[in-house]
PDB file of N, CA and C in Angstrom:
ATOM      1  N   MET A   1     -19.844  76.814  16.533  1.00  0.00           N
ATOM      2  CA  MET A   1     -20.535  75.461  15.977  1.00  0.00           C
ATOM      3  C   MET A   1     -19.467  74.548  16.340  1.00  0.00           C
ATOM      4  N   SER A   2     -19.677  73.128  16.752  1.00  0.00           N
ATOM      5  CA  SER A   2     -18.615  72.200  17.014  1.00  0.00           C
ATOM      6  C   SER A   2     -17.919  71.861  15.959  1.00  0.00           C
ATOM      7  N   GLN A   3     -16.715  71.323  16.022  1.00  0.00           N
ATOM      8  CA  GLN A   3     -16.392  70.533  14.194  1.00  0.00           C
ATOM      9  C   GLN A   3     -16.746  69.316  14.395  1.00  0.00           C
ATOM     10  N   LEU A   4     -17.273  69.101  12.886  1.00  0.00           N
ATOM     11  CA  LEU A   4     -17.686  67.753  12.570  1.00  0.00           C
ATOM     12  C   LEU A   4     -16.537  66.533  12.817  1.00  0.00           C
ATOM     13  N   ASP A   5     -16.995  65.624  13.243  1.00  0.00           N
ATOM     14  CA  ASP A   5     -16.053  64.199  13.418  1.00  0.00           C
ATOM     15  C   ASP A   5     -16.678  63.556  11.329  1.00  0.00           C
ATOM     16  N   THR A   6     -15.700  63.905  10.779  1.00  0.00           N
ATOM     17  CA  THR A   6     -15.821  63.867   9.387  1.00  0.00           C
ATOM     18  C   THR A   6     -15.495  62.219   8.940  1.00  0.00           C
ATOM     19  N   ARG A   7     -14.698  62.004   9.546  1.00  0.00           N
ATOM     20  CA  ARG A   7     -14.569  60.118   9.585  1.00  0.00           C
ATOM     21  C   ARG A   7     -15.815  59.634  10.008  1.00  0.00           C
ATOM     22  N   LYS A   8     -16.961  59.905  10.382  1.00  0.00           N
ATOM     23  CA  LYS A   8     -18.245  59.013  10.321  1.00  0.00           C
ATOM     24  C   LYS A   8     -19.090  59.394   9.518  1.00  0.00           C
ATOM     25  N   LEU A   9     -18.427  60.455   8.347  1.00  0.00           N
ATOM     26  CA  LEU A   9     -19.322  60.339   7.082  1.00  0.00           C
ATOM     27  C   LEU A   9     -18.913  59.829   5.340  1.00  0.00           C
ATOM     28  N   SER A  10     -19.593  59.473   4.912  1.00  0.00           N
ATOM     29  CA  SER A  10     -19.408  58.748   3.742  1.00  0.00           C
ATOM     30  C   SER A  10     -17.838  59.798   2.785  1.00  0.00           C
ATOM     31  N   PRO A  11     -17.365  58.645   2.666  1.00  0.00           N
ATOM     32  CA  PRO A  11     -16.142  59.415   1.496  1.00  0.00           C
ATOM     33  C   PRO A  11     -16.646  60.407   0.384  1.00  0.00           C
ATOM     34  N   GLN A  12     -17.987  60.434  -0.333  1.00  0.00           N
ATOM     35  CA  GLN A  12     -18.485  61.212  -1.030  1.00  0.00           C
ATOM     36  C   GLN A  12     -18.970  62.439  -0.547  1.00  0.00           C
ATOM     37  N   VAL A  13     -19.438  62.509   0.771  1.00  0.00           N
ATOM     38  CA  VAL A  13     -19.767  63.543   1.582  1.00  0.00           C
ATOM     39  C   VAL A  13     -18.610  64.422   2.084  1.00  0.00           C
ATOM     40  N   GLN A  14     -17.464  63.961   2.242  1.00  0.00           N
ATOM     41  CA  GLN A  14     -15.852  63.909   2.886  1.00  0.00           C
ATOM     42  C   GLN A  14     -15.763  64.880   1.816  1.00  0.00           C
ATOM     43  N   GLU A  15     -15.414  64.367   0.505  1.00  0.00           N
ATOM     44  CA  GLU A  15     -15.246  65.187  -0.712  1.00  0.00           C
ATOM     45  C   GLU A  15     -16.162  66.253  -0.948  1.00  0.00           C
ATOM     46  N   GLU A  16     -17.196  66.266  -0.697  1.00  0.00           N
ATOM     47  CA  GLU A  16     -17.766  67.419  -1.256  1.00  0.00           C
ATOM     48  C   GLU A  16     -17.592  68.067  -0.331  1.00  0.00           C
ATOM     49  N   ILE A  17     -17.754  68.384   0.955  1.00  0.00           N
ATOM     50  CA  ILE A  17     -17.100  69.707   2.139  1.00  0.00           C
ATOM     51  C   ILE A  17     -15.876  69.960   1.626  1.00  0.00           C
ATOM     52  N   ARG A  18     -14.463  68.912   1.342  1.00  0.00           N
ATOM     53  CA  ARG A  18     -13.380  69.848   1.024  1.00  0.00           C
ATOM     54  C   ARG A  18     -13.396  70.080   0.124  1.00  0.00           C
ATOM     55  N   VAL A  19     -14.632  70.120  -1.003  1.00  0.00           N
ATOM     56  CA  VAL A  19     -14.609  71.084  -2.831  1.00  0.00           C
ATOM     57  C   VAL A  19     -15.409  72.484  -2.409  1.00  0.00           C
ATOM     58  N   ARG A  20     -16.258  71.921  -1.659  1.00  0.00           N
ATOM     59  CA  ARG A  20     -17.183  73.747  -1.156  1.00  0.00           C
ATOM     60  C   ARG A  20     -15.928  74.527  -0.158  1.00  0.00           C
ATOM     61  N   VAL A  21     -15.455  73.787   0.746  1.00  0.00           N
ATOM     62  CA  VAL A  21     -14.461  75.078   1.573  1.00  0.00           C
ATOM     63  C   VAL A  21     -13.404  75.288   0.283  1.00  0.00           C
ATOM     64  N   VAL A  22     -13.042  75.059  -0.304  1.00  0.00           N
ATOM     65  CA  VAL A  22     -11.431  75.024  -0.893  1.00  0.00           C
ATOM     66  C   VAL A  22     -12.962  76.280  -1.910  1.00  0.00           C
ATOM     67  N   LYS A  23     -13.451  75.631  -2.735  1.00  0.00           N
ATOM     68  CA  LYS A  23     -14.248  77.216  -3.561  1.00  0.00           C
ATOM     69  C   LYS A  23     -14.646  78.114  -2.744  1.00  0.00           C
ATOM     70  N   ALA A  24     -14.793  78.342  -1.227  1.00  0.00           N
ATOM     71  CA  ALA A  24     -15.392  79.148  -0.741  1.00  0.00           C
ATOM     72  C   ALA A  24     -14.252  80.256  -0.610  1.00  0.00           C
ATOM     73  N   ILE A  25     -13.275  79.853  -0.408  1.00  0.00           N
ATOM     74  CA  ILE A  25     -11.782  80.216   0.145  1.00  0.00           C
ATOM     75  C   ILE A  25     -12.060  81.340  -1.096  1.00  0.00           C
ATOM     76  N   ARG A  26     -11.552  80.354  -2.206  1.00  0.00           N
ATOM     77  CA  ARG A  26     -11.280  80.678  -3.566  1.00  0.00           C
ATOM     78  C   ARG A  26     -11.723  82.429  -3.693  1.00  0.00           C
ATOM     79  N   ALA A  27     -13.516  81.951  -3.559  1.00  0.00           N
ATOM     80  CA  ALA A  27     -14.367  83.069  -3.675  1.00  0.00           C
ATOM     81  C   ALA A  27     -14.001  84.431  -2.702  1.00  0.00           C
ATOM     82  N   GLY A  28     -13.125  83.884  -1.892  1.00  0.00           N
ATOM     83  CA  GLY A  28     -12.735  85.553  -0.779  1.00  0.00           C
ATOM     84  C   GLY A  28     -13.008  84.865   0.649  1.00  0.00           C
ATOM     85  N   MET A  29     -13.696  83.879   0.642  1.00  0.00           N
ATOM     86  CA  MET A  29     -13.726  83.786   2.494  1.00  0.00           C
ATOM     87  C   MET A  29     -12.503  83.853   2.977  1.00  0.00           C
ATOM     88  N   ARG A  30     -12.893  83.776   4.465  1.00  0.00           N
ATOM     89  CA  ARG A  30     -11.502  83.965   5.409  1.00  0.00           C
ATOM     90  C   ARG A  30     -11.565  82.227   5.710  1.00  0.00           C
ATOM     91  N   LYS A  31     -10.115  82.056   5.707  1.00  0.00           N
ATOM     92  CA  LYS A  31     -10.137  80.593   6.108  1.00  0.00           C
ATOM     93  C   LYS A  31     -10.901  80.179   7.822  1.00  0.00           C
ATOM     94  N   SER A  32     -10.718  81.477   8.673  1.00  0.00           N
ATOM     95  CA  SER A  32     -11.066  81.092   9.614  1.00  0.00           C
ATOM     96  C   SER A  32     -12.962  80.784   9.373  1.00  0.00           C
ATOM     97  N   ALA A  33     -13.322  81.906   8.992  1.00  0.00           N
ATOM     98  CA  ALA A  33     -14.759  81.954   8.680  1.00  0.00           C
ATOM     99  C   ALA A  33     -15.461  80.253   7.778  1.00  0.00           C
ATOM    100  N   ALA A  34     -14.627  80.287   7.256  1.00  0.00           N
ATOM    101  CA  ALA A  34     -14.870  78.770   6.389  1.00  0.00           C
ATOM    102  C   ALA A  34     -14.723  77.911   7.407  1.00  0.00           C
ATOM    103  N   ALA A  35     -13.771  77.772   8.299  1.00  0.00           N
ATOM    104  CA  ALA A  35     -13.303  76.662   9.357  1.00  0.00           C
ATOM    105  C   ALA A  35     -14.923  76.529  10.170  1.00  0.00           C
ATOM    106  N   ARG A  36     -15.419  77.891  11.026  1.00  0.00           N
ATOM    107  CA  ARG A  36     -16.442  77.631  11.285  1.00  0.00           C
ATOM    108  C   ARG A  36     -17.729  77.434  10.793  1.00  0.00           C
ATOM    109  N   THR A  37     -17.819  77.901   9.558  1.00  0.00           N
ATOM    110  CA  THR A  37     -18.507  77.666   8.529  1.00  0.00           C
ATOM    111  C   THR A  37     -19.318  75.778   8.382  1.00  0.00           C
ATOM    112  N   PHE A  38     -17.859  75.755   8.222  1.00  0.00           N
ATOM    113  CA  PHE A  38     -18.411  74.097   7.452  1.00  0.00           C
ATOM    114  C   PHE A  38     -17.668  73.168   8.479  1.00  0.00           C
ATOM    115  N   GLY A  39     -17.468  73.903   9.628  1.00  0.00           N
ATOM    116  CA  GLY A  39     -17.256  72.813  11.048  1.00  0.00           C
ATOM    117  C   GLY A  39     -15.948  71.815  10.817  1.00  0.00           C
ATOM    118  N   VAL A  40     -14.852  72.749   9.987  1.00  0.00           N
ATOM    119  CA  VAL A  40     -13.751  71.727   9.925  1.00  0.00           C
ATOM    120  C   VAL A  40     -12.801  72.748  10.687  1.00  0.00           C
ATOM    121  N   SER A  41     -11.204  72.235  10.854  1.00  0.00           N
ATOM    122  CA  SER A  41     -10.370  72.961  11.036  1.00  0.00           C
ATOM    123  C   SER A  41      -9.509  73.368  10.452  1.00  0.00           C
ATOM    124  N   ARG A  42      -8.825  74.850  10.544  1.00  0.00           N
ATOM    125  CA  ARG A  42      -7.729  75.100   9.948  1.00  0.00           C
ATOM    126  C   ARG A  42      -6.907  74.530   9.535  1.00  0.00           C
ATOM    127  N   THR A  43      -6.464  73.647  10.325  1.00  0.00           N
ATOM    128  CA  THR A  43      -5.535  72.786  10.019  1.00  0.00           C
ATOM    129  C   THR A  43      -5.757  71.966   8.749  1.00  0.00           C
ATOM    130  N   SER A  44      -6.911  71.668   8.880  1.00  0.00           N
ATOM    131  CA  SER A  44      -7.796  70.645   7.838  1.00  0.00           C
ATOM    132  C   SER A  44      -7.105  71.482   6.088  1.00  0.00           C
ATOM    133  N   ILE A  45      -8.159  72.510   6.372  1.00  0.00           N
ATOM    134  CA  ILE A  45      -7.905  73.640   5.509  1.00  0.00           C
ATOM    135  C   ILE A  45      -6.654  74.008   4.681  1.00  0.00           C
ATOM    136  N   ASP A  46      -5.824  73.836   5.714  1.00  0.00           N
ATOM    137  CA  ASP A  46      -4.526  74.333   5.022  1.00  0.00           C
ATOM    138  C   ASP A  46      -3.833  73.367   4.302  1.00  0.00           C
ATOM    139  N   THR A  47      -3.920  72.067   4.463  1.00  0.00           N
ATOM    140  CA  THR A  47      -3.885  70.656   3.956  1.00  0.00           C
ATOM    141  C   THR A  47      -3.919  70.870   2.672  1.00  0.00           C
ATOM    142  N   TRP A  48      -5.875  70.834   2.591  1.00  0.00           N
ATOM    143  CA  TRP A  48      -6.522  70.869   1.551  1.00  0.00           C
ATOM    144  C   TRP A  48      -6.117  71.894   0.357  1.00  0.00           C
ATOM    145  N   LEU A  49      -5.596  73.339   0.772  1.00  0.00           N
ATOM    146  CA  LEU A  49      -5.259  74.356  -0.110  1.00  0.00           C
ATOM    147  C   LEU A  49      -3.672  73.706  -0.629  1.00  0.00           C
ATOM    148  N   ALA A  50      -3.094  73.311   0.243  1.00  0.00           N
ATOM    149  CA  ALA A  50      -1.625  72.948  -0.473  1.00  0.00           C
ATOM    150  C   ALA A  50      -1.750  71.837  -0.916  1.00  0.00           C
ATOM    151  N   LYS A  51      -3.081  71.027  -1.017  1.00  0.00           N
ATOM    152  CA  LYS A  51      -2.806  69.806  -2.086  1.00  0.00           C
ATOM    153  C   LYS A  51      -3.247  70.403  -3.688  1.00  0.00           C
ATOM    154  N   VAL A  52      -4.466  71.354  -3.404  1.00  0.00           N
ATOM    155  CA  VAL A  52      -5.171  71.870  -4.617  1.00  0.00           C
ATOM    156  C   VAL A  52      -3.678  72.710  -5.553  1.00  0.00           C
ATOM    157  N   GLU A  53      -3.344  73.793  -4.839  1.00  0.00           N
ATOM    158  CA  GLU A  53      -1.846  74.076  -5.587  1.00  0.00           C
ATOM    159  C   GLU A  53      -0.726  72.990  -5.947  1.00  0.00           C
ATOM    160  N   CYS A  54      -0.703  72.075  -5.605  1.00  0.00           N
ATOM    161  CA  CYS A  54       0.438  71.479  -6.184  1.00  0.00           C
ATOM    162  C   CYS A  54      -0.357  70.155  -7.381  1.00  0.00           C
ATOM    163  N   GLY A  55      -1.614  70.417  -7.167  1.00  0.00           N
ATOM    164  CA  GLY A  55      -2.454  69.306  -8.311  1.00  0.00           C
ATOM    165  C   GLY A  55      -3.375  70.563  -8.710  1.00  0.00           C
ATOM    166  N   ASN A  56      -4.772  69.533  -8.701  1.00  0.00           N
ATOM    167  CA  ASN A  56      -5.756  70.457  -8.617  1.00  0.00           C
ATOM    168  C   ASN A  56      -6.781  70.010  -7.870  1.00  0.00           C
ATOM    169  N   ILE A  57      -7.892  70.659  -8.461  1.00  0.00           N
ATOM    170  CA  ILE A  57      -9.036  69.934  -7.576  1.00  0.00           C
ATOM    171  C   ILE A  57      -9.768  68.762  -7.163  1.00  0.00           C
ATOM    172  N   THR A  58      -9.056  67.700  -8.025  1.00  0.00           N
ATOM    173  CA  THR A  58      -9.095  66.514  -8.064  1.00  0.00           C
ATOM    174  C   THR A  58      -8.514  65.802  -7.073  1.00  0.00           C
ATOM    175  N   SER A  59      -6.950  66.687  -6.732  1.00  0.00           N
ATOM    176  CA  SER A  59      -6.782  65.777  -5.865  1.00  0.00           C
ATOM    177  C   SER A  59      -6.780  65.785  -3.886  1.00  0.00           C
ATOM    178  N   LEU A  60      -8.390  66.210  -4.382  1.00  0.00           N
ATOM    179  CA  LEU A  60      -8.850  66.121  -3.104  1.00  0.00           C
ATOM    180  C   LEU A  60     -10.206  64.947  -2.579  1.00  0.00           C
ATOM    181  N   ARG A  61      -9.800  64.172  -3.635  1.00  0.00           N
ATOM    182  CA  ARG A  61     -10.944  63.102  -3.916  1.00  0.00           C
ATOM    183  C   ARG A  61     -10.686  62.115  -2.601  1.00  0.00           C
ATOM    184  N   SER A  62     -11.311  61.154  -1.808  1.00  0.00           N
ATOM    185  CA  SER A  62     -11.419  60.426  -0.868  1.00  0.00           C
ATOM    186  C   SER A  62     -10.248  59.400  -1.810  1.00  0.00           C
ATOM    187  N   LYS A  63      -9.669  58.666  -0.655  1.00  0.00           N
ATOM    188  CA  LYS A  63      -9.134  57.566  -1.499  1.00  0.00           C
ATOM    189  C   LYS A  63      -9.512  56.201  -0.869  1.00  0.00           C
ATOM    190  N   LYS A  64      -9.108  54.974  -0.895  1.00  0.00           N
ATOM    191  CA  LYS A  64      -9.622  53.561  -0.415  1.00  0.00           C
ATOM    192  C   LYS A  64      -9.540  53.393   0.762  1.00  0.00           C
ATOM    193  N   ARG A  65     -10.359  53.216   1.588  1.00  0.00           N
ATOM    194  CA  ARG A  65     -10.337  53.145   2.869  1.00  0.00           C
ATOM    195  C   ARG A  65     -10.076  51.538   3.331  1.00  0.00           C
ATOM    196  N   GLY A  66      -9.457  51.657   5.095  1.00  0.00           N
ATOM    197  CA  GLY A  66      -9.070  50.022   5.436  1.00  0.00           C
ATOM    198  C   GLY A  66      -7.679  49.639   4.914  1.00  0.00           C
ATOM    199  N   ARG A  67      -7.594  48.479   5.853  1.00  0.00           N
ATOM    200  CA  ARG A  67      -6.289  47.752   5.181  1.00  0.00           C
ATOM    201  C   ARG A  67      -5.688  47.296   4.040  1.00  0.00           C
ATOM    202  N   PRO A  68      -4.912  47.208   3.361  1.00  0.00           N
ATOM    203  CA  PRO A  68      -4.748  47.051   2.072  1.00  0.00           C
ATOM    204  C   PRO A  68      -4.987  44.960   2.061  1.00  0.00           C
ATOM    205  N   PRO A  69      -5.235  44.704   1.313  1.00  0.00           N
ATOM    206  CA  PRO A  69      -5.684  42.896   0.919  1.00  0.00           C
ATOM    207  C   PRO A  69      -4.321  42.332   1.066  1.00  0.00           C
ATOM    208  N   ASN A  70      -4.473  40.887   1.898  1.00  0.00           N
ATOM    209  CA  ASN A  70      -3.203  40.215   2.110  1.00  0.00           C
ATOM    210  C   ASN A  70      -2.603  39.954   0.925  1.00  0.00           C
ATOM    211  N   ARG A  71      -1.307  39.546   1.071  1.00  0.00           N
ATOM    212  CA  ARG A  71      -0.249  39.523  -0.660  1.00  0.00           C
ATOM    213  C   ARG A  71      -0.127  38.245  -0.429  1.00  0.00           C
ATOM    214  N   VAL A  72      -0.687  37.571  -1.591  1.00  0.00           N
ATOM    215  CA  VAL A  72      -0.120  35.689  -1.894  1.00  0.00           C
ATOM    216  C   VAL A  72       0.852  36.072  -1.966  1.00  0.00           C
ATOM    217  N   TRP A  73       1.779  35.152  -1.174  1.00  0.00           N
ATOM    218  CA  TRP A  73       3.209  34.492  -1.828  1.00  0.00           C
ATOM    219  C   TRP A  73       3.141  34.000  -2.737  1.00  0.00           C
ATOM    220  N   HIS A  74       4.414  33.755  -3.502  1.00  0.00           N
ATOM    221  CA  HIS A  74       4.615  32.445  -4.306  1.00  0.00           C
ATOM    222  C   HIS A  74       5.147  31.269  -3.585  1.00  0.00           C
ATOM    223  N   PRO A  75       4.268  29.732  -4.090  1.00  0.00           N
ATOM    224  CA  PRO A  75       4.501  28.942  -2.976  1.00  0.00           C
ATOM    225  C   PRO A  75       5.815  28.296  -2.961  1.00  0.00           C
ATOM    226  N   ILE A  76       7.309  28.802  -3.385  1.00  0.00           N
ATOM    227  CA  ILE A  76       8.099  28.916  -3.109  1.00  0.00           C
ATOM    228  C   ILE A  76       8.711  29.666  -1.978  1.00  0.00           C
ATOM    229  N   GLY A  77       8.023  30.784  -1.701  1.00  0.00           N
ATOM    230  CA  GLY A  77       8.157  31.708  -0.502  1.00  0.00           C
ATOM    231  C   GLY A  77       8.589  32.793  -0.679  1.00  0.00           C
ATOM    232  N   PRO A  78       8.580  33.772   0.528  1.00  0.00           N
ATOM    233  CA  PRO A  78       8.655  35.705   0.110  1.00  0.00           C
ATOM    234  C   PRO A  78       9.654  35.546  -0.827  1.00  0.00           C
ATOM    235  N   PRO A  79       9.639  36.510  -1.306  1.00  0.00           N
ATOM    236  CA  PRO A  79      11.017  37.223  -2.126  1.00  0.00           C
ATOM    237  C   PRO A  79      12.289  37.638  -1.260  1.00  0.00           C
ATOM    238  N   ARG A  80      13.107  37.117  -1.534  1.00  0.00           N
ATOM    239  CA  ARG A  80      14.470  37.442  -0.917  1.00  0.00           C
ATOM    240  C   ARG A  80      15.250  38.495  -1.343  1.00  0.00           C
ATOM    241  N   SER A  81      15.985  39.480  -0.526  1.00  0.00           N
ATOM    242  CA  SER A  81      16.869  40.436  -0.642  1.00  0.00           C
ATOM    243  C   SER A  81      18.046  39.527  -1.991  1.00  0.00           C
ATOM    244  N   SER A  82      18.234  40.441  -2.938  1.00  0.00           N
ATOM    245  CA  SER A  82      19.412  40.314  -3.467  1.00  0.00           C
ATOM    246  C   SER A  82      20.802  40.865  -2.886  1.00  0.00           C
ATOM    247  N   GLY A  83      20.682  41.351  -1.850  1.00  0.00           N
ATOM    248  CA  GLY A  83      22.188  41.852  -0.972  1.00  0.00           C
ATOM    249  C   GLY A  83      22.914  42.838  -1.304  1.00  0.00           C
ATOM    250  N   LYS A  84      21.709  43.699  -2.233  1.00  0.00           N
ATOM    251  CA  LYS A  84      21.933  44.841  -2.330  1.00  0.00           C
ATOM    252  C   LYS A  84      21.605  45.932  -1.861  1.00  0.00           C
ATOM    253  N   SER A  85      22.155  47.027  -0.887  1.00  0.00           N
ATOM    254  CA  SER A  85      21.232  47.569  -0.636  1.00  0.00           C
ATOM    255  C   SER A  85      20.970  48.680  -1.287  1.00  0.00           C
ATOM    256  N   PRO A  86      19.524  49.518  -1.313  1.00  0.00           N
ATOM    257  CA  PRO A  86      19.251  50.723  -2.687  1.00  0.00           C
ATOM    258  C   PRO A  86      20.214  51.922  -1.941  1.00  0.00           C
ATOM    259  N   ILE A  87      20.447  52.121  -0.489  1.00  0.00           N
ATOM    260  CA  ILE A  87      20.976  52.801  -0.050  1.00  0.00           C
ATOM    261  C   ILE A  87      22.495  53.067  -0.419  1.00  0.00           C
ATOM    262  N   ALA A  88      22.907  54.048  -0.647  1.00  0.00           N
ATOM    263  CA  ALA A  88      24.471  54.514  -1.319  1.00  0.00           C
ATOM    264  C   ALA A  88      25.315  54.200  -0.001  1.00  0.00           C
ATOM    265  N   ARG A  89      26.761  53.568  -0.079  1.00  0.00           N
ATOM    266  CA  ARG A  89      27.439  53.632   1.146  1.00  0.00           C
ATOM    267  C   ARG A  89      28.194  54.837   0.786  1.00  0.00           C
ATOM    268  N   PRO A  90      28.497  54.960   2.334  1.00  0.00           N
ATOM    269  CA  PRO A  90      29.094  57.009   2.508  1.00  0.00           C
ATOM    270  C   PRO A  90      30.009  57.237   1.553  1.00  0.00           C
ATOM    271  N   ILE A  91      31.296  56.397   1.566  1.00  0.00           N
ATOM    272  CA  ILE A  91      32.536  56.365   0.838  1.00  0.00           C
ATOM    273  C   ILE A  91      31.935  56.620  -0.804  1.00  0.00           C
ATOM    274  N   ARG A  92      30.853  55.913  -1.053  1.00  0.00           N
ATOM    275  CA  ARG A  92      30.325  55.976  -2.675  1.00  0.00           C
ATOM    276  C   ARG A  92      30.032  57.596  -2.611  1.00  0.00           C
ATOM    277  N   LEU A  93      29.386  58.432  -1.877  1.00  0.00           N
ATOM    278  CA  LEU A  93      28.699  59.634  -2.185  1.00  0.00           C
ATOM    279  C   LEU A  93      29.810  60.643  -1.359  1.00  0.00           C
ATOM    280  N   LYS A  94      31.166  60.059  -1.129  1.00  0.00           N
ATOM    281  CA  LYS A  94      32.095  60.878  -1.225  1.00  0.00           C
ATOM    282  C   LYS A  94      32.574  61.555   0.444  1.00  0.00           C
ATOM    283  N   LEU A  95      31.942  60.701   0.931  1.00  0.00           N
ATOM    284  CA  LEU A  95      31.576  61.144   2.744  1.00  0.00           C
ATOM    285  C   LEU A  95      32.887  60.694   3.101  1.00  0.00           C
ATOM    286  N   ALA A  96      33.471  60.986   4.420  1.00  0.00           N
ATOM    287  CA  ALA A  96      34.879  60.595   5.108  1.00  0.00           C
ATOM    288  C   ALA A  96      34.785  59.828   5.723  1.00  0.00           C
ATOM    289  N   PHE A  97      33.621  58.688   5.731  1.00  0.00           N
ATOM    290  CA  PHE A  97      32.926  57.541   6.855  1.00  0.00           C
ATOM    291  C   PHE A  97      32.974  56.390   5.912  1.00  0.00           C
ATOM    292  N   ALA A  98      32.991  55.473   6.337  1.00  0.00           N
ATOM    293  CA  ALA A  98      32.798  54.252   6.013  1.00  0.00           C
ATOM    294  C   ALA A  98      31.483  53.749   6.206  1.00  0.00           C
ATOM    295  N   LEU A  99      30.866  53.896   7.129  1.00  0.00           N
ATOM    296  CA  LEU A  99      29.640  53.648   7.681  1.00  0.00           C
ATOM    297  C   LEU A  99      28.817  54.358   8.249  1.00  0.00           C
ATOM    298  N   TRP A 100      27.495  54.319   8.091  1.00  0.00           N
ATOM    299  CA  TRP A 100      26.515  55.446   8.502  1.00  0.00           C
ATOM    300  C   TRP A 100      26.370  55.888   9.672  1.00  0.00           C
ATOM    301  N   THR A 101      26.914  56.965  10.152  1.00  0.00           N
ATOM    302  CA  THR A 101      27.215  57.319  11.763  1.00  0.00           C
ATOM    303  C   THR A 101      25.889  58.621  11.523  1.00  0.00           C
ATOM    304  N   ARG A 102      25.749  59.234  13.001  1.00  0.00           N
ATOM    305  CA  ARG A 102      24.832  60.282  12.976  1.00  0.00           C
ATOM    306  C   ARG A 102      25.748  61.594  12.279  1.00  0.00           C
ATOM    307  N   GLU A 103      27.011  61.692  12.572  1.00  0.00           N
ATOM    308  CA  GLU A 103      27.991  62.308  11.394  1.00  0.00           C
ATOM    309  C   GLU A 103      27.575  62.379  10.218  1.00  0.00           C
ATOM    310  N   ALA A 104      27.866  61.032   9.816  1.00  0.00           N
ATOM    311  CA  ALA A 104      27.834  61.113   8.077  1.00  0.00           C
ATOM    312  C   ALA A 104      26.469  61.665   8.044  1.00  0.00           C
ATOM    313  N   VAL A 105      25.470  61.047   8.229  1.00  0.00           N
ATOM    314  CA  VAL A 105      24.089  61.731   8.215  1.00  0.00           C
ATOM    315  C   VAL A 105      23.703  62.922   7.950  1.00  0.00           C
ATOM    316  N   ARG A 106      24.562  63.884   9.033  1.00  0.00           N
ATOM    317  CA  ARG A 106      24.619  65.467   9.037  1.00  0.00           C
ATOM    318  C   ARG A 106      25.047  65.918   8.118  1.00  0.00           C
ATOM    319  N   ASP A 107      25.846  65.525   7.832  1.00  0.00           N
ATOM    320  CA  ASP A 107      26.951  65.664   6.683  1.00  0.00           C
ATOM    321  C   ASP A 107      26.394  65.963   5.089  1.00  0.00           C
ATOM    322  N   LEU A 108      26.006  64.861   4.897  1.00  0.00           N
ATOM    323  CA  LEU A 108      24.864  64.499   3.907  1.00  0.00           C
ATOM    324  C   LEU A 108      24.071  64.935   3.707  1.00  0.00           C
ATOM    325  N   ILE A 109      22.785  66.074   4.818  1.00  0.00           N
ATOM    326  CA  ILE A 109      22.051  66.687   4.957  1.00  0.00           C
ATOM    327  C   ILE A 109      22.486  68.122   4.644  1.00  0.00           C
ATOM    328  N   ALA A 110      23.761  68.095   5.805  1.00  0.00           N
ATOM    329  CA  ALA A 110      24.280  69.919   4.721  1.00  0.00           C
ATOM    330  C   ALA A 110      24.353  69.734   3.406  1.00  0.00           C
ATOM    331  N   ARG A 111      25.083  68.696   2.996  1.00  0.00           N
ATOM    332  CA  ARG A 111      25.449  69.381   1.668  1.00  0.00           C
ATOM    333  C   ARG A 111      23.713  68.964   0.401  1.00  0.00           C
ATOM    334  N   ALA A 112      22.879  68.515   0.849  1.00  0.00           N
ATOM    335  CA  ALA A 112      21.821  68.211  -0.056  1.00  0.00           C
ATOM    336  C   ALA A 112      21.153  69.597   0.139  1.00  0.00           C
ATOM    337  N   PRO A 113      20.440  69.839  -1.351  1.00  0.00           N
ATOM    338  CA  PRO A 113      19.824  71.090  -1.073  1.00  0.00           C
ATOM    339  C   PRO A 113      18.444  71.165  -0.374  1.00  0.00           C
ATOM    340  N   ALA A 114      17.884  72.374  -0.071  1.00  0.00           N
ATOM    341  CA  ALA A 114      16.860  72.401   0.404  1.00  0.00           C
ATOM    342  C   ALA A 114      15.372  71.734  -0.504  1.00  0.00           C
ATOM    343  N   CYS A 115      14.913  70.801   0.566  1.00  0.00           N
ATOM    344  CA  CYS A 115      13.469  70.421  -0.307  1.00  0.00           C
ATOM    345  C   CYS A 115      12.860  71.624  -0.500  1.00  0.00           C
ATOM    346  N   ARG A 116      11.611  71.459  -1.446  1.00  0.00           N
ATOM    347  CA  ARG A 116      10.674  72.124  -1.823  1.00  0.00           C
ATOM    348  C   ARG A 116       9.588  71.342  -2.411  1.00  0.00           C
ATOM    349  N   CYS A 117       8.668  72.237  -2.386  1.00  0.00           N
ATOM    350  CA  CYS A 117       7.283  71.151  -2.829  1.00  0.00           C
ATOM    351  C   CYS A 117       7.345  71.852  -4.393  1.00  0.00           C
ATOM    352  N   ARG A 118       7.781  70.218  -5.317  1.00  0.00           N
ATOM    353  CA  ARG A 118       7.590  70.542  -7.061  1.00  0.00           C
ATOM    354  C   ARG A 118       6.520  70.485  -7.121  1.00  0.00           C
ATOM    355  N   CYS A 119       6.125  71.669  -7.373  1.00  0.00           N
ATOM    356  CA  CYS A 119       4.273  72.244  -8.077  1.00  0.00           C
ATOM    357  C   CYS A 119       4.861  72.636  -9.096  1.00  0.00           C
ATOM    358  N   GLU A 120       4.002  72.129 -10.170  1.00  0.00           N
ATOM    359  CA  GLU A 120       3.786  72.717 -11.468  1.00  0.00           C
ATOM    360  C   GLU A 120       2.466  73.597 -11.948  1.00  0.00           C
ATOM    361  N   PRO A 121       2.755  74.340 -12.659  1.00  0.00           N
ATOM    362  CA  PRO A 121       1.291  75.146 -12.707  1.00  0.00           C
ATOM    363  C   PRO A 121       0.509  74.098 -13.654  1.00  0.00           C
ATOM    364  N   PRO A 122      -1.237  74.348 -13.224  1.00  0.00           N
ATOM    365  CA  PRO A 122      -1.992  73.011 -14.152  1.00  0.00           C
ATOM    366  C   PRO A 122      -1.971  73.890 -15.233  1.00  0.00           C
ATOM    367  N   ALA A 123      -1.586  72.484 -16.109  1.00  0.00           N
ATOM    368  CA  ALA A 123      -1.589  72.899 -17.790  1.00  0.00           C
ATOM    369  C   ALA A 123      -3.469  73.845 -18.165  1.00  0.00           C
ATOM    370  N   VAL A 124      -3.195  74.838 -18.854  1.00  0.00           N
ATOM    371  CA  VAL A 124      -4.007  75.906 -19.505  1.00  0.00           C
ATOM    372  C   VAL A 124      -4.624  74.873 -20.524  1.00  0.00           C
ATOM    373  N   THR A 125      -5.961  74.803 -20.533  1.00  0.00           N
ATOM    374  CA  THR A 125      -6.193  74.474 -21.958  1.00  0.00           C
ATOM    375  C   THR A 125      -7.340  75.456 -22.679  1.00  0.00           C
TER     376      THR A 125
END
């Protein structure tokens, strides 16, 4: 069976497919069999399962489509920068550089702990 182009389906149908796939896999179906049965890709299934692991089944809901509405600016004009950068300077982070260079970024990344998914198990009620 060929893969569906789910972009052409309504958001409710897309949601239903996601939920059915996750429930089928939880019931014991293999990912490859679920991909063939429902006509979706294994990559999509892996993404949906990761979302469910970090949240719950409601994390598979469709989000609002389209471009966000235009922002209406205040008559005075668009907001101005306060001049303060939200990013700290290398010296304040106790790096040996005064400006951000490739070496400074590399050193900062080397000092940082490895990023991990900060999943919390769902609350049992």
